[in-house]
Amino acid sequence: MQVSILSSGSSGNVTYLQTDQHQILLDAGLSGIKIRRLLKQIGRTIEDIDMIFVSHEHSDHAKGVGILARRCPNIQVYANQETWDAMPASLGKIPRSQRNVFPIGSIETFGDLTVESMGVSHDAAGEQCYLFRQADKQFVMITDTGYISESIQHHIKNATALALECNYDVEMLMNGPYSWPLKQRILCDTGHMSNEDEAAVLANVIGDDTEAVFIVHRSHHNNTRAVAHQTIDDELTNRGLNVDKDFMLYDTDICDPTKLINL
């Protein structure tokens, strides 16, 4: 299994996942042109993609789904029914032959890949996260949620790679330019997770088999790469975890993909 976080942040999210039999996008929250450019940077093309899994309908996760599906008829798109119903008209028509319903709580096998969806807490129609499994390797992506429940934490414990939301620094958010209602939305249980929130979850779920942790969905108004990384590093180190020794801690960005990582 190979993974690259092509783009991650409040304005666009795209992740690339490859197995022997599949090349997948998890969300497509940028224009088709930008996604093509990012794929090219890791030596891949959109024509090689055969599946897109959509977490929810917000534009920073779904903006490019329609154009990619129309341009590449081999791509199958997966989302739960609530998300399909809430997809904005701006995405354009997605051919029915490429639309697939993947309900919350589903587990389905596609050749050498097993995909599992889990419901999380966000102000979307049917927000879900995904766990991808190939043989003994697991990749988990969870963004856009106010918290991660104990049951999900137990389920993802010891995954090979974890990409968890690290949206904001509390002090930066509270002292920043956002209106109070928007700050409340971000802070609530259907909003987003802070640096400290992610650090606490990671401390519970990182195990001996964990190889990689990705800091994802960082706000460019209420967080910085350095602050997020240092907060996570400090907290995990304080809990006795050997950051960048037992597992690697990777930053992600809206413009630059991570290297293609072999799990």
C-alpha atoms as a PDB file:
ATOM      1  CA  MET A   1       0.000   0.000   0.000  1.00  0.00           C
ATOM      2  CA  GLN A   2       1.248   3.487  -0.931  1.00  0.00           C
ATOM      3  CA  VAL A   3      -0.140   6.810   0.322  1.00  0.00           C
ATOM      4  CA  SER A   4       0.335  10.488  -0.483  1.00  0.00           C
ATOM      5  CA  ILE A   5      -1.634  13.362   1.019  1.00  0.00           C
ATOM      6  CA  LEU A   6      -1.877  15.433  -2.153  1.00  0.00           C
ATOM      7  CA  SER A   7      -3.598  18.419  -0.566  1.00  0.00           C
ATOM      8  CA  SER A   8      -4.920  19.085   2.910  1.00  0.00           C
ATOM      9  CA  GLY A   9      -6.383  22.182   4.530  1.00  0.00           C
ATOM     10  CA  SER A  10      -9.568  24.151   4.994  1.00  0.00           C
ATOM     11  CA  SER A  11      -9.683  25.043   1.286  1.00  0.00           C
ATOM     12  CA  GLY A  12      -9.083  21.654  -0.337  1.00  0.00           C
ATOM     13  CA  ASN A  13      -8.477  17.996   0.485  1.00  0.00           C
ATOM     14  CA  VAL A  14      -7.291  15.139  -1.744  1.00  0.00           C
ATOM     15  CA  THR A  15      -5.503  11.926  -0.733  1.00  0.00           C
ATOM     16  CA  TYR A  16      -4.025   9.295  -3.047  1.00  0.00           C
ATOM     17  CA  LEU A  17      -3.942   5.607  -2.121  1.00  0.00           C
ATOM     18  CA  GLN A  18      -2.521   2.767  -4.214  1.00  0.00           C
ATOM     19  CA  THR A  19      -2.584  -1.008  -3.912  1.00  0.00           C
ATOM     20  CA  ASP A  20      -1.517  -3.642  -6.427  1.00  0.00           C
ATOM     21  CA  GLN A  21      -4.994  -3.539  -7.994  1.00  0.00           C
ATOM     22  CA  HIS A  22      -6.340  -0.028  -7.336  1.00  0.00           C
ATOM     23  CA  GLN A  23      -5.446   3.652  -7.508  1.00  0.00           C
ATOM     24  CA  ILE A  24      -7.836   5.679  -5.375  1.00  0.00           C
ATOM     25  CA  LEU A  25      -8.637   9.240  -4.406  1.00  0.00           C
ATOM     26  CA  LEU A  26     -10.101   9.913  -0.998  1.00  0.00           C
ATOM     27  CA  ASP A  27     -12.063  13.146  -1.511  1.00  0.00           C
ATOM     28  CA  ALA A  28     -11.495  15.491  -4.440  1.00  0.00           C
ATOM     29  CA  GLY A  29     -11.781  18.969  -2.967  1.00  0.00           C
ATOM     30  CA  LEU A  30      -9.901  20.895  -5.648  1.00  0.00           C
ATOM     31  CA  SER A  31     -10.441  21.603  -9.340  1.00  0.00           C
ATOM     32  CA  GLY A  32      -9.710  18.849 -11.803  1.00  0.00           C
ATOM     33  CA  ILE A  33      -6.716  20.772 -13.156  1.00  0.00           C
ATOM     34  CA  LYS A  34      -5.144  21.157  -9.707  1.00  0.00           C
ATOM     35  CA  ILE A  35      -5.674  17.487  -8.881  1.00  0.00           C
ATOM     36  CA  ARG A  36      -4.017  16.483 -12.161  1.00  0.00           C
ATOM     37  CA  ARG A  37      -1.013  18.678 -11.329  1.00  0.00           C
ATOM     38  CA  LEU A  38      -0.665  17.223  -7.846  1.00  0.00           C
ATOM     39  CA  LEU A  39      -0.855  13.665  -9.156  1.00  0.00           C
ATOM     40  CA  LYS A  40       1.841  14.489 -11.701  1.00  0.00           C
ATOM     41  CA  GLN A  41       4.125  15.591  -8.856  1.00  0.00           C
ATOM     42  CA  ILE A  42       4.047  12.049  -7.436  1.00  0.00           C
ATOM     43  CA  GLY A  43       4.332  10.402 -10.862  1.00  0.00           C
ATOM     44  CA  ARG A  44       0.675   9.437 -11.300  1.00  0.00           C
ATOM     45  CA  THR A  45      -2.129  10.474 -13.679  1.00  0.00           C
ATOM     46  CA  ILE A  46      -5.873  10.902 -13.244  1.00  0.00           C
ATOM     47  CA  GLU A  47      -6.429   8.315 -15.983  1.00  0.00           C
ATOM     48  CA  ASP A  48      -5.018   5.672 -13.618  1.00  0.00           C
ATOM     49  CA  ILE A  49      -7.590   6.428 -10.887  1.00  0.00           C
ATOM     50  CA  ASP A  50     -10.387   3.864 -10.678  1.00  0.00           C
ATOM     51  CA  MET A  51     -12.224   4.901  -7.480  1.00  0.00           C
ATOM     52  CA  ILE A  52     -13.061   8.052  -5.508  1.00  0.00           C
ATOM     53  CA  PHE A  53     -14.392   7.820  -1.954  1.00  0.00           C
ATOM     54  CA  VAL A  54     -16.157  10.984  -0.735  1.00  0.00           C
ATOM     55  CA  SER A  55     -16.370  11.766   2.982  1.00  0.00           C
ATOM     56  CA  HIS A  56     -19.052  14.466   2.679  1.00  0.00           C
ATOM     57  CA  GLU A  57     -20.503  17.090   0.371  1.00  0.00           C
ATOM     58  CA  HIS A  58     -18.626  20.246   1.458  1.00  0.00           C
ATOM     59  CA  SER A  59     -16.738  21.825  -1.433  1.00  0.00           C
ATOM     60  CA  ASP A  60     -13.280  21.424   0.097  1.00  0.00           C
ATOM     61  CA  HIS A  61     -13.861  17.659  -0.146  1.00  0.00           C
ATOM     62  CA  ALA A  62     -16.096  17.281  -3.205  1.00  0.00           C
ATOM     63  CA  LYS A  63     -15.376  20.184  -5.586  1.00  0.00           C
ATOM     64  CA  GLY A  64     -13.618  18.099  -8.246  1.00  0.00           C
ATOM     65  CA  VAL A  65     -15.702  14.931  -8.071  1.00  0.00           C
ATOM     66  CA  GLY A  66     -18.046  15.806 -10.922  1.00  0.00           C
ATOM     67  CA  ILE A  67     -15.474  16.928 -13.466  1.00  0.00           C
ATOM     68  CA  LEU A  68     -13.168  13.984 -12.748  1.00  0.00           C
ATOM     69  CA  ALA A  69     -16.011  11.480 -13.127  1.00  0.00           C
ATOM     70  CA  ARG A  70     -17.134  12.992 -16.426  1.00  0.00           C
ATOM     71  CA  ARG A  71     -13.614  13.185 -17.843  1.00  0.00           C
ATOM     72  CA  CYS A  72     -12.685   9.657 -16.724  1.00  0.00           C
ATOM     73  CA  PRO A  73     -15.592   7.232 -17.206  1.00  0.00           C
ATOM     74  CA  ASN A  74     -13.584   4.395 -15.627  1.00  0.00           C
ATOM     75  CA  ILE A  75     -13.785   6.093 -12.211  1.00  0.00           C
ATOM     76  CA  GLN A  76     -16.380   4.770  -9.763  1.00  0.00           C
ATOM     77  CA  VAL A  77     -17.491   7.248  -7.075  1.00  0.00           C
ATOM     78  CA  TYR A  78     -18.563   6.107  -3.599  1.00  0.00           C
ATOM     79  CA  ALA A  79     -20.501   8.090  -0.979  1.00  0.00           C
ATOM     80  CA  ASN A  80     -23.406   7.439   1.359  1.00  0.00           C
ATOM     81  CA  GLN A  81     -26.927   8.319   0.219  1.00  0.00           C
ATOM     82  CA  GLU A  82     -27.154  11.380   2.463  1.00  0.00           C
ATOM     83  CA  THR A  83     -24.018  12.770   0.856  1.00  0.00           C
ATOM     84  CA  TRP A  84     -25.233  12.017  -2.663  1.00  0.00           C
ATOM     85  CA  ASP A  85     -28.506  13.819  -1.903  1.00  0.00           C
ATOM     86  CA  ALA A  86     -26.632  16.840  -0.541  1.00  0.00           C
ATOM     87  CA  MET A  87     -24.053  17.164  -3.329  1.00  0.00           C
ATOM     88  CA  PRO A  88     -24.245  20.726  -4.668  1.00  0.00           C
ATOM     89  CA  ALA A  89     -25.544  21.348  -8.169  1.00  0.00           C
ATOM     90  CA  SER A  90     -22.252  23.105  -8.962  1.00  0.00           C
ATOM     91  CA  LEU A  91     -20.581  19.682  -9.258  1.00  0.00           C
ATOM     92  CA  GLY A  92     -22.585  19.034 -12.408  1.00  0.00           C
ATOM     93  CA  LYS A  93     -24.067  15.720 -13.482  1.00  0.00           C
ATOM     94  CA  ILE A  94     -22.286  12.545 -12.444  1.00  0.00           C
ATOM     95  CA  PRO A  95     -23.278   9.608 -14.673  1.00  0.00           C
ATOM     96  CA  ARG A  96     -25.505   7.152 -12.830  1.00  0.00           C
ATOM     97  CA  SER A  97     -23.275   4.274 -13.951  1.00  0.00           C
ATOM     98  CA  GLN A  98     -20.449   5.771 -11.879  1.00  0.00           C
ATOM     99  CA  ARG A  99     -22.466   6.535  -8.730  1.00  0.00           C
ATOM    100  CA  ASN A 100     -22.234   4.025  -5.882  1.00  0.00           C
ATOM    101  CA  VAL A 101     -23.871   4.162  -2.449  1.00  0.00           C
ATOM    102  CA  PHE A 102     -21.528   3.287   0.406  1.00  0.00           C
ATOM    103  CA  PRO A 103     -23.557   3.551   3.646  1.00  0.00           C
ATOM    104  CA  ILE A 104     -22.137   4.517   7.014  1.00  0.00           C
ATOM    105  CA  GLY A 105     -20.965   1.381   8.799  1.00  0.00           C
ATOM    106  CA  SER A 106     -20.346  -0.554   5.587  1.00  0.00           C
ATOM    107  CA  ILE A 107     -17.465  -2.917   4.879  1.00  0.00           C
ATOM    108  CA  GLU A 108     -16.803  -3.890   1.271  1.00  0.00           C
ATOM    109  CA  THR A 109     -13.962  -5.683  -0.484  1.00  0.00           C
ATOM    110  CA  PHE A 110     -12.653  -4.613  -3.888  1.00  0.00           C
ATOM    111  CA  GLY A 111     -10.093  -7.180  -5.015  1.00  0.00           C
ATOM    112  CA  ASP A 112      -7.041  -6.725  -2.750  1.00  0.00           C
ATOM    113  CA  LEU A 113      -8.586  -3.814  -0.814  1.00  0.00           C
ATOM    114  CA  THR A 114     -11.170  -3.762   1.974  1.00  0.00           C
ATOM    115  CA  VAL A 115     -12.864  -0.438   2.728  1.00  0.00           C
ATOM    116  CA  GLU A 116     -14.800   0.350   5.890  1.00  0.00           C
ATOM    117  CA  SER A 117     -16.787   3.509   6.645  1.00  0.00           C
ATOM    118  CA  MET A 118     -17.514   5.001  10.069  1.00  0.00           C
ATOM    119  CA  GLY A 119     -19.828   7.868  10.949  1.00  0.00           C
ATOM    120  CA  VAL A 120     -18.327  10.932  12.620  1.00  0.00           C
ATOM    121  CA  SER A 121     -19.697  14.189  14.042  1.00  0.00           C
ATOM    122  CA  HIS A 122     -19.758  17.144  11.639  1.00  0.00           C
ATOM    123  CA  ASP A 123     -22.324  19.611  10.316  1.00  0.00           C
ATOM    124  CA  ALA A 124     -22.723  17.747   7.033  1.00  0.00           C
ATOM    125  CA  ALA A 125     -25.545  15.594   5.738  1.00  0.00           C
ATOM    126  CA  GLY A 126     -23.828  12.278   6.481  1.00  0.00           C
ATOM    127  CA  GLU A 127     -20.148  12.735   7.313  1.00  0.00           C
ATOM    128  CA  GLN A 128     -18.172   9.494   7.276  1.00  0.00           C
ATOM    129  CA  CYS A 129     -14.527   8.540   7.542  1.00  0.00           C
ATOM    130  CA  TYR A 130     -12.766   5.585   5.958  1.00  0.00           C
ATOM    131  CA  LEU A 131     -10.428   2.758   6.916  1.00  0.00           C
ATOM    132  CA  PHE A 132      -8.583   1.101   4.026  1.00  0.00           C
ATOM    133  CA  ARG A 133      -7.061  -2.331   4.564  1.00  0.00           C
ATOM    134  CA  GLN A 134      -4.764  -4.378   2.347  1.00  0.00           C
ATOM    135  CA  ALA A 135      -3.440  -7.609   3.903  1.00  0.00           C
ATOM    136  CA  ASP A 136      -1.996  -6.545   7.284  1.00  0.00           C
ATOM    137  CA  LYS A 137      -1.741  -2.819   6.445  1.00  0.00           C
ATOM    138  CA  GLN A 138      -4.381  -0.239   7.398  1.00  0.00           C
ATOM    139  CA  PHE A 139      -4.707   3.438   6.476  1.00  0.00           C
ATOM    140  CA  VAL A 140      -7.221   5.586   8.385  1.00  0.00           C
ATOM    141  CA  MET A 141      -8.359   9.076   7.353  1.00  0.00           C
ATOM    142  CA  ILE A 142     -10.555  11.076   9.760  1.00  0.00           C
ATOM    143  CA  THR A 143     -11.195  14.780   9.175  1.00  0.00           C
ATOM    144  CA  ASP A 144     -14.073  17.195   9.684  1.00  0.00           C
ATOM    145  CA  THR A 145     -15.331  16.019  13.045  1.00  0.00           C
ATOM    146  CA  GLY A 146     -15.716  17.671  16.412  1.00  0.00           C
ATOM    147  CA  TYR A 147     -14.433  14.592  18.201  1.00  0.00           C
ATOM    148  CA  ILE A 148     -13.492  10.949  17.654  1.00  0.00           C
ATOM    149  CA  SER A 149     -15.542   8.585  19.792  1.00  0.00           C
ATOM    150  CA  GLU A 150     -14.012   5.985  22.088  1.00  0.00           C
ATOM    151  CA  SER A 151     -15.488   3.210  19.942  1.00  0.00           C
ATOM    152  CA  ILE A 152     -13.781   4.537  16.801  1.00  0.00           C
ATOM    153  CA  GLN A 153     -10.535   5.058  18.697  1.00  0.00           C
ATOM    154  CA  HIS A 154     -10.660   1.445  19.806  1.00  0.00           C
ATOM    155  CA  HIS A 155     -11.377   0.325  16.235  1.00  0.00           C
ATOM    156  CA  ILE A 156      -8.468   2.231  14.650  1.00  0.00           C
ATOM    157  CA  LYS A 157      -5.938   1.504  17.382  1.00  0.00           C
ATOM    158  CA  ASN A 158      -2.566   0.299  16.066  1.00  0.00           C
ATOM    159  CA  ALA A 159      -3.368   1.157  12.415  1.00  0.00           C
ATOM    160  CA  THR A 160      -0.341   1.281  10.121  1.00  0.00           C
ATOM    161  CA  ALA A 161      -0.972   4.896   9.120  1.00  0.00           C
ATOM    162  CA  LEU A 162      -3.256   7.529  10.618  1.00  0.00           C
ATOM    163  CA  ALA A 163      -4.336  10.829   9.082  1.00  0.00           C
ATOM    164  CA  LEU A 164      -6.307  12.767  11.691  1.00  0.00           C
ATOM    165  CA  GLU A 165      -7.670  16.292  11.710  1.00  0.00           C
ATOM    166  CA  CYS A 166      -5.567  18.984  13.368  1.00  0.00           C
ATOM    167  CA  ASN A 167      -7.593  22.008  12.361  1.00  0.00           C
ATOM    168  CA  TYR A 168      -6.883  24.812  14.816  1.00  0.00           C
ATOM    169  CA  ASP A 169      -4.875  26.123  17.724  1.00  0.00           C
ATOM    170  CA  VAL A 170      -7.371  27.202  20.396  1.00  0.00           C
ATOM    171  CA  GLU A 171      -5.568  30.429  21.278  1.00  0.00           C
ATOM    172  CA  MET A 172      -5.159  31.448  17.643  1.00  0.00           C
ATOM    173  CA  LEU A 173      -8.831  30.732  16.957  1.00  0.00           C
ATOM    174  CA  MET A 174     -10.098  32.683  19.978  1.00  0.00           C
ATOM    175  CA  ASN A 175      -7.856  35.682  19.236  1.00  0.00           C
ATOM    176  CA  GLY A 176      -8.382  35.561  15.467  1.00  0.00           C
ATOM    177  CA  PRO A 177     -10.664  37.484  13.099  1.00  0.00           C
ATOM    178  CA  TYR A 178     -13.530  34.987  12.854  1.00  0.00           C
ATOM    179  CA  SER A 179     -16.965  36.005  14.097  1.00  0.00           C
ATOM    180  CA  TRP A 180     -18.116  34.526  17.400  1.00  0.00           C
ATOM    181  CA  PRO A 181     -20.787  32.323  15.748  1.00  0.00           C
ATOM    182  CA  LEU A 182     -18.144  30.858  13.405  1.00  0.00           C
ATOM    183  CA  LYS A 183     -15.782  30.266  16.316  1.00  0.00           C
ATOM    184  CA  GLN A 184     -18.580  28.467  18.139  1.00  0.00           C
ATOM    185  CA  ARG A 185     -19.250  26.312  15.080  1.00  0.00           C
ATOM    186  CA  ILE A 186     -15.598  25.270  14.885  1.00  0.00           C
ATOM    187  CA  LEU A 187     -15.344  24.549  18.616  1.00  0.00           C
ATOM    188  CA  CYS A 188     -18.538  22.512  18.984  1.00  0.00           C
ATOM    189  CA  ASP A 189     -18.988  18.738  18.748  1.00  0.00           C
ATOM    190  CA  THR A 190     -20.057  18.993  15.098  1.00  0.00           C
ATOM    191  CA  GLY A 191     -17.173  21.288  14.181  1.00  0.00           C
ATOM    192  CA  HIS A 192     -13.472  20.490  14.005  1.00  0.00           C
ATOM    193  CA  MET A 193     -10.653  19.090  16.126  1.00  0.00           C
ATOM    194  CA  SER A 194      -7.867  21.192  17.643  1.00  0.00           C
ATOM    195  CA  ASN A 195      -4.166  20.386  17.817  1.00  0.00           C
ATOM    196  CA  GLU A 196      -4.647  19.255  21.409  1.00  0.00           C
ATOM    197  CA  ASP A 197      -7.640  17.110  20.442  1.00  0.00           C
ATOM    198  CA  GLU A 198      -5.631  15.253  17.832  1.00  0.00           C
ATOM    199  CA  ALA A 199      -2.669  14.789  20.157  1.00  0.00           C
ATOM    200  CA  ALA A 200      -4.919  13.219  22.806  1.00  0.00           C
ATOM    201  CA  VAL A 201      -6.483  10.809  20.291  1.00  0.00           C
ATOM    202  CA  LEU A 202      -3.122   9.864  18.799  1.00  0.00           C
ATOM    203  CA  ALA A 203      -1.768   9.062  22.236  1.00  0.00           C
ATOM    204  CA  ASN A 204      -4.597   6.545  22.594  1.00  0.00           C
ATOM    205  CA  VAL A 205      -4.435   4.911  19.167  1.00  0.00           C
ATOM    206  CA  ILE A 206      -0.776   4.754  18.138  1.00  0.00           C
ATOM    207  CA  GLY A 207       0.517   1.220  18.589  1.00  0.00           C
ATOM    208  CA  ASP A 208       3.562  -0.900  17.876  1.00  0.00           C
ATOM    209  CA  ASP A 209       2.457  -1.386  14.253  1.00  0.00           C
ATOM    210  CA  THR A 210       1.923   2.325  13.563  1.00  0.00           C
ATOM    211  CA  GLU A 211       4.430   3.570  10.999  1.00  0.00           C
ATOM    212  CA  ALA A 212       3.121   6.974   9.923  1.00  0.00           C
ATOM    213  CA  VAL A 213       0.990   9.818  11.289  1.00  0.00           C
ATOM    214  CA  PHE A 214      -0.182  12.659   9.033  1.00  0.00           C
ATOM    215  CA  ILE A 215      -1.247  16.049  10.411  1.00  0.00           C
ATOM    216  CA  VAL A 216      -4.180  16.972   8.129  1.00  0.00           C
ATOM    217  CA  HIS A 217      -6.890  19.592   7.536  1.00  0.00           C
ATOM    218  CA  ARG A 218      -4.910  22.419   9.150  1.00  0.00           C
ATOM    219  CA  SER A 219      -6.584  25.837   9.057  1.00  0.00           C
ATOM    220  CA  HIS A 220      -4.513  28.546   7.411  1.00  0.00           C
ATOM    221  CA  HIS A 221      -6.170  31.199   9.573  1.00  0.00           C
ATOM    222  CA  ASN A 222      -6.169  29.516  12.977  1.00  0.00           C
ATOM    223  CA  ASN A 223      -3.085  27.312  12.896  1.00  0.00           C
ATOM    224  CA  THR A 224       0.436  27.038  11.509  1.00  0.00           C
ATOM    225  CA  ARG A 225       2.522  24.097  10.412  1.00  0.00           C
ATOM    226  CA  ALA A 226       5.051  24.759  13.193  1.00  0.00           C
ATOM    227  CA  VAL A 227       2.488  25.150  15.979  1.00  0.00           C
ATOM    228  CA  ALA A 228       0.539  22.044  14.988  1.00  0.00           C
ATOM    229  CA  HIS A 229       3.645  19.901  14.629  1.00  0.00           C
ATOM    230  CA  GLN A 230       5.178  21.074  17.903  1.00  0.00           C
ATOM    231  CA  THR A 231       1.962  20.568  19.862  1.00  0.00           C
ATOM    232  CA  ILE A 232       1.593  16.993  18.632  1.00  0.00           C
ATOM    233  CA  ASP A 233       5.284  16.192  19.021  1.00  0.00           C
ATOM    234  CA  ASP A 234       5.415  17.549  22.582  1.00  0.00           C
ATOM    235  CA  GLU A 235       2.262  15.770  23.728  1.00  0.00           C
ATOM    236  CA  LEU A 236       3.218  12.407  22.253  1.00  0.00           C
ATOM    237  CA  THR A 237       6.762  12.674  23.605  1.00  0.00           C
ATOM    238  CA  ASN A 238       5.355  13.518  27.048  1.00  0.00           C
ATOM    239  CA  ARG A 239       3.307  10.326  26.842  1.00  0.00           C
ATOM    240  CA  GLY A 240       6.407   8.237  26.215  1.00  0.00           C
ATOM    241  CA  LEU A 241       6.060   7.832  22.442  1.00  0.00           C
ATOM    242  CA  ASN A 242       9.191   8.070  20.284  1.00  0.00           C
ATOM    243  CA  VAL A 243       8.224  10.513  17.537  1.00  0.00           C
ATOM    244  CA  ASP A 244      10.134  10.071  14.258  1.00  0.00           C
ATOM    245  CA  LYS A 245      11.751   6.931  15.658  1.00  0.00           C
ATOM    246  CA  ASP A 246       8.996   4.391  16.264  1.00  0.00           C
ATOM    247  CA  PHE A 247       6.781   6.170  13.717  1.00  0.00           C
ATOM    248  CA  MET A 248       7.103   9.182  11.423  1.00  0.00           C
ATOM    249  CA  LEU A 249       5.124  12.393  11.952  1.00  0.00           C
ATOM    250  CA  TYR A 250       4.355  14.082   8.608  1.00  0.00           C
ATOM    251  CA  ASP A 251       3.128  17.613   7.950  1.00  0.00           C
ATOM    252  CA  THR A 252       0.755  18.178   5.032  1.00  0.00           C
ATOM    253  CA  ASP A 253      -0.082  21.242   2.969  1.00  0.00           C
ATOM    254  CA  ILE A 254      -2.673  22.617   0.577  1.00  0.00           C
ATOM    255  CA  CYS A 255      -0.188  23.102  -2.286  1.00  0.00           C
ATOM    256  CA  ASP A 256       2.477  20.422  -1.953  1.00  0.00           C
ATOM    257  CA  PRO A 257       1.844  16.677  -1.802  1.00  0.00           C
ATOM    258  CA  THR A 258       3.718  14.501   0.641  1.00  0.00           C
ATOM    259  CA  LYS A 259       6.096  12.014  -0.884  1.00  0.00           C
ATOM    260  CA  LEU A 260       4.576   8.694  -1.876  1.00  0.00           C
ATOM    261  CA  ILE A 261       5.004   6.596   1.262  1.00  0.00           C
ATOM    262  CA  ASN A 262       5.202   2.806   1.248  1.00  0.00           C
ATOM    263  CA  LEU A 263       3.405   1.184   4.175  1.00  0.00           C
END
